[in-house]
Amino acid sequence: MESPLAAVLPIAVLWLAAGVVADGLPRLDRARALRRRAGHLLILTLVGLTLTAAVLAAGLFTAGNTPADRAATALNLAGLPTLVVAVCTVRRVRRLRAGAGAFAAAPETPAPHGLRAAAAHPLIGLPVQVTGVLTVPAVVAASGTDLLAAPGVTGPAITVGALGILAVGVRHALRHSRLAERARPDAQRSARAPGPLHV
């Protein structure tokens, strides 16, 4: 690897693409489309996990200021959310894909609200999107630019990043709650119940 940027940039692109796919999952109202998009997300996350682990492992086994070591150092910040993706998100996406497959025999089969609520679960979208966001500073660091070198920049940058992640998490939680409420049996019964008969 000649430059750390050559290793970090494809990883960042993969995680950002996975974040976009994960964000769109709950909007899909057809089971077949949901199954296909969950498959795309599963592939993106597995490839992203593999490449991230390879770069971090290469950094562990190299000494000094090699490009592999610099790439691994740049990706250190994204290590924790990547671990959450590996432990929680991959399993949930597999279950979501299998659940959507049970309804995907016909192309126009609607996706049940329960499946869409599962697709909106914060442990699917949030870790992937946080990983994607945290790969952006890794790309900047791998390119040799030190944006945090200026005095008074580190604190506001961390605050803005934390607030952004909090806002994304609240959005995921609200969307999941709304779809889960629609999936409740009593809500479905009340939606199907006829109105009062006026004589």
Protein backbone atom coordinates (compact mmCIF):
# COMPACT_ATOMS: atom_id res chain seq x y z
CA MET A 1 0.00 0.00 0.00
CA GLU A 2 1.69 3.18 -1.23
CA SER A 3 -0.56 5.68 0.51
CA PRO A 4 -2.88 5.39 3.51
CA LEU A 5 -5.52 7.26 1.53
CA ALA A 6 -5.67 4.41 -1.01
CA ALA A 7 -6.75 2.07 1.80
CA VAL A 8 -9.04 4.41 3.74
CA LEU A 9 -10.97 6.03 0.87
CA PRO A 10 -12.66 2.83 -0.46
CA ILE A 11 -13.62 1.90 3.11
CA ALA A 12 -15.21 5.31 3.65
CA VAL A 13 -17.13 5.05 0.37
CA LEU A 14 -18.42 1.59 1.34
CA TRP A 15 -19.61 2.70 4.79
CA LEU A 16 -21.24 5.87 3.46
CA ALA A 17 -23.05 3.86 0.78
CA ALA A 18 -24.18 1.35 3.44
CA GLY A 19 -25.50 4.25 5.53
CA VAL A 20 -27.58 5.53 2.62
CA VAL A 21 -28.99 2.04 1.93
CA ALA A 22 -29.78 1.49 5.64
CA ASP A 23 -31.57 4.83 5.84
CA GLY A 24 -33.85 3.93 2.94
CA LEU A 25 -34.88 0.47 4.19
CA PRO A 26 -37.95 1.53 6.24
CA ARG A 27 -39.36 3.53 3.31
CA LEU A 28 -39.73 0.40 1.15
CA ASP A 29 -43.34 -0.77 1.14
CA ARG A 30 -42.89 -3.95 -0.94
CA ALA A 31 -41.48 -7.14 0.59
CA ARG A 32 -39.40 -8.09 -2.45
CA ALA A 33 -37.74 -4.67 -2.62
CA LEU A 34 -37.08 -4.79 1.12
CA ARG A 35 -35.47 -8.23 0.80
CA ARG A 36 -33.29 -7.11 -2.13
CA ARG A 37 -32.18 -3.90 -0.39
CA ALA A 38 -31.44 -5.79 2.84
CA GLY A 39 -29.23 -8.09 0.77
CA HIS A 40 -27.38 -5.07 -0.62
CA LEU A 41 -26.89 -3.72 2.89
CA LEU A 42 -25.62 -7.09 4.10
CA ILE A 43 -23.04 -7.25 1.29
CA LEU A 44 -21.89 -3.66 1.88
CA THR A 45 -21.50 -4.17 5.62
CA LEU A 46 -19.67 -7.50 5.28
CA VAL A 47 -17.24 -6.05 2.73
CA GLY A 48 -16.80 -2.93 4.87
CA LEU A 49 -16.13 -5.03 7.96
CA THR A 50 -13.62 -7.19 6.08
CA LEU A 51 -11.68 -4.24 4.67
CA THR A 52 -11.73 -2.32 7.95
CA ALA A 53 -10.50 -5.36 9.87
CA ALA A 54 -7.78 -5.96 7.27
CA VAL A 55 -6.48 -2.39 7.55
CA LEU A 56 -6.59 -2.42 11.35
CA ALA A 57 -4.83 -5.81 11.45
CA ALA A 58 -2.17 -4.58 9.01
CA GLY A 59 -1.54 -1.64 11.31
CA LEU A 60 -1.05 -3.98 14.26
CA PHE A 61 1.59 -6.02 12.46
CA THR A 62 3.63 -3.11 11.11
CA ALA A 63 5.98 -0.96 13.10
CA GLY A 64 6.94 2.64 12.62
CA ASN A 65 5.37 5.19 10.32
CA THR A 66 4.40 2.93 7.41
CA PRO A 67 1.37 3.71 5.21
CA ALA A 68 -0.44 0.70 6.71
CA ASP A 69 0.19 2.02 10.21
CA ARG A 70 -1.04 5.50 9.28
CA ALA A 71 -4.19 4.05 7.66
CA ALA A 72 -4.92 1.98 10.77
CA THR A 73 -4.38 4.98 13.01
CA ALA A 74 -6.78 7.05 10.90
CA LEU A 75 -9.45 4.33 11.22
CA ASN A 76 -9.11 3.90 14.99
CA LEU A 77 -12.02 6.27 15.62
CA ALA A 78 -14.36 4.11 13.54
CA GLY A 79 -13.35 0.92 15.36
CA LEU A 80 -16.06 0.93 18.04
CA PRO A 81 -19.08 1.48 15.77
CA THR A 82 -17.63 -1.10 13.38
CA LEU A 83 -17.63 -3.58 16.25
CA VAL A 84 -21.30 -2.74 16.97
CA VAL A 85 -22.09 -3.36 13.30
CA ALA A 86 -20.36 -6.75 13.46
CA VAL A 87 -22.10 -7.81 16.69
CA CYS A 88 -25.62 -6.36 16.27
CA THR A 89 -26.35 -5.01 12.81
CA VAL A 90 -25.30 -7.98 10.66
CA ARG A 91 -27.49 -10.37 12.64
CA ARG A 92 -30.51 -8.04 12.45
CA VAL A 93 -30.09 -7.49 8.70
CA ARG A 94 -29.91 -11.25 8.11
CA ARG A 95 -33.12 -11.74 10.10
CA LEU A 96 -34.78 -8.86 8.23
CA ARG A 97 -33.81 -10.34 4.86
CA ALA A 98 -35.11 -13.77 5.86
CA GLY A 99 -38.37 -12.25 7.16
CA ALA A 100 -38.90 -10.26 3.98
CA GLY A 101 -38.18 -13.41 1.94
CA ALA A 102 -41.19 -15.09 3.52
CA PHE A 103 -43.47 -12.41 1.99
CA ALA A 104 -41.60 -11.88 -1.29
CA ALA A 105 -43.18 -14.63 -3.41
CA ALA A 106 -45.13 -12.05 -5.44
CA PRO A 107 -43.49 -8.83 -6.63
CA GLU A 108 -46.22 -6.55 -5.29
CA THR A 109 -46.68 -8.13 -1.86
CA PRO A 110 -46.79 -5.27 0.67
CA ALA A 111 -44.17 -5.30 3.40
CA PRO A 112 -45.89 -5.64 6.80
CA HIS A 113 -45.46 -2.80 9.26
CA GLY A 114 -43.61 -5.21 11.56
CA LEU A 115 -40.93 -5.78 8.92
CA ARG A 116 -40.63 -2.07 8.23
CA ALA A 117 -40.35 -1.43 11.98
CA ALA A 118 -37.55 -4.01 12.12
CA ALA A 119 -35.85 -2.25 9.20
CA ALA A 120 -36.10 1.04 11.10
CA HIS A 121 -34.55 -0.35 14.29
CA PRO A 122 -31.76 1.96 15.51
CA LEU A 123 -29.30 -0.94 15.74
CA ILE A 124 -29.53 -1.37 11.96
CA GLY A 125 -29.13 2.15 10.67
CA LEU A 126 -27.35 4.02 13.46
CA PRO A 127 -24.12 1.97 13.79
CA VAL A 128 -23.68 1.87 10.01
CA GLN A 129 -24.22 5.61 9.65
CA VAL A 130 -21.99 6.46 12.60
CA THR A 131 -19.24 4.31 11.09
CA GLY A 132 -19.67 6.10 7.77
CA VAL A 133 -19.50 9.52 9.43
CA LEU A 134 -16.39 8.58 11.41
CA THR A 135 -14.58 7.41 8.28
CA VAL A 136 -14.69 10.97 6.92
CA PRO A 137 -12.14 12.28 9.47
CA ALA A 138 -10.12 9.14 8.70
CA VAL A 139 -9.99 10.12 5.03
CA VAL A 140 -8.95 13.66 5.97
CA ALA A 141 -6.23 12.36 8.29
CA ALA A 142 -5.01 9.82 5.70
CA SER A 143 -4.69 12.58 3.12
CA GLY A 144 -2.20 14.33 5.39
CA THR A 145 -4.44 17.24 6.39
CA ASP A 146 -4.70 17.98 10.09
CA LEU A 147 -7.89 19.98 10.50
CA LEU A 148 -7.70 19.79 14.29
CA ALA A 149 -4.27 21.40 14.47
CA ALA A 150 -5.75 24.89 14.67
CA PRO A 151 -6.38 26.05 18.26
CA GLY A 152 -9.97 25.95 19.45
CA VAL A 153 -11.18 23.55 16.74
CA THR A 154 -11.11 20.19 18.53
CA GLY A 155 -13.78 20.92 21.15
CA PRO A 156 -16.41 22.39 18.77
CA ALA A 157 -15.75 19.64 16.22
CA ILE A 158 -16.34 16.92 18.80
CA THR A 159 -19.47 18.70 20.07
CA VAL A 160 -20.94 19.09 16.59
CA GLY A 161 -20.16 15.45 15.77
CA ALA A 162 -21.75 14.19 19.00
CA LEU A 163 -24.88 16.33 18.47
CA GLY A 164 -25.17 15.08 14.89
CA ILE A 165 -24.93 11.45 16.00
CA LEU A 166 -27.50 12.10 18.74
CA ALA A 167 -29.89 13.66 16.21
CA VAL A 168 -29.53 10.67 13.88
CA GLY A 169 -30.17 8.30 16.79
CA VAL A 170 -33.31 10.16 17.88
CA ARG A 171 -34.59 10.13 14.29
CA HIS A 172 -34.10 6.36 14.04
CA ALA A 173 -35.80 5.79 17.40
CA LEU A 174 -38.84 7.93 16.46
CA ARG A 175 -39.24 6.25 13.08
CA HIS A 176 -38.94 2.79 14.63
CA SER A 177 -41.48 3.69 17.31
CA ARG A 178 -43.98 5.01 14.74
CA LEU A 179 -43.76 1.88 12.57
CA ALA A 180 -43.87 -0.44 15.59
CA GLU A 181 -47.05 1.32 16.75
CA ARG A 182 -48.66 0.63 13.37
CA ALA A 183 -47.64 -3.03 13.60
CA ARG A 184 -49.53 -3.58 16.89
CA PRO A 185 -52.56 -5.87 16.45
CA ASP A 186 -54.98 -3.47 18.18
CA ALA A 187 -53.91 -0.62 15.87
CA GLN A 188 -54.51 -2.84 12.82
CA ARG A 189 -57.93 -3.90 14.12
CA SER A 190 -58.98 -0.31 14.73
CA ALA A 191 -57.84 0.63 11.23
CA ARG A 192 -60.02 -2.15 9.76
CA ALA A 193 -63.02 -1.54 11.99
CA PRO A 194 -65.98 0.14 10.22
CA GLY A 195 -67.09 3.55 11.37
CA PRO A 196 -70.29 4.14 13.34
CA LEU A 197 -73.51 3.54 11.47
CA HIS A 198 -75.56 6.71 11.11
CA VAL A 199 -79.30 6.17 10.62
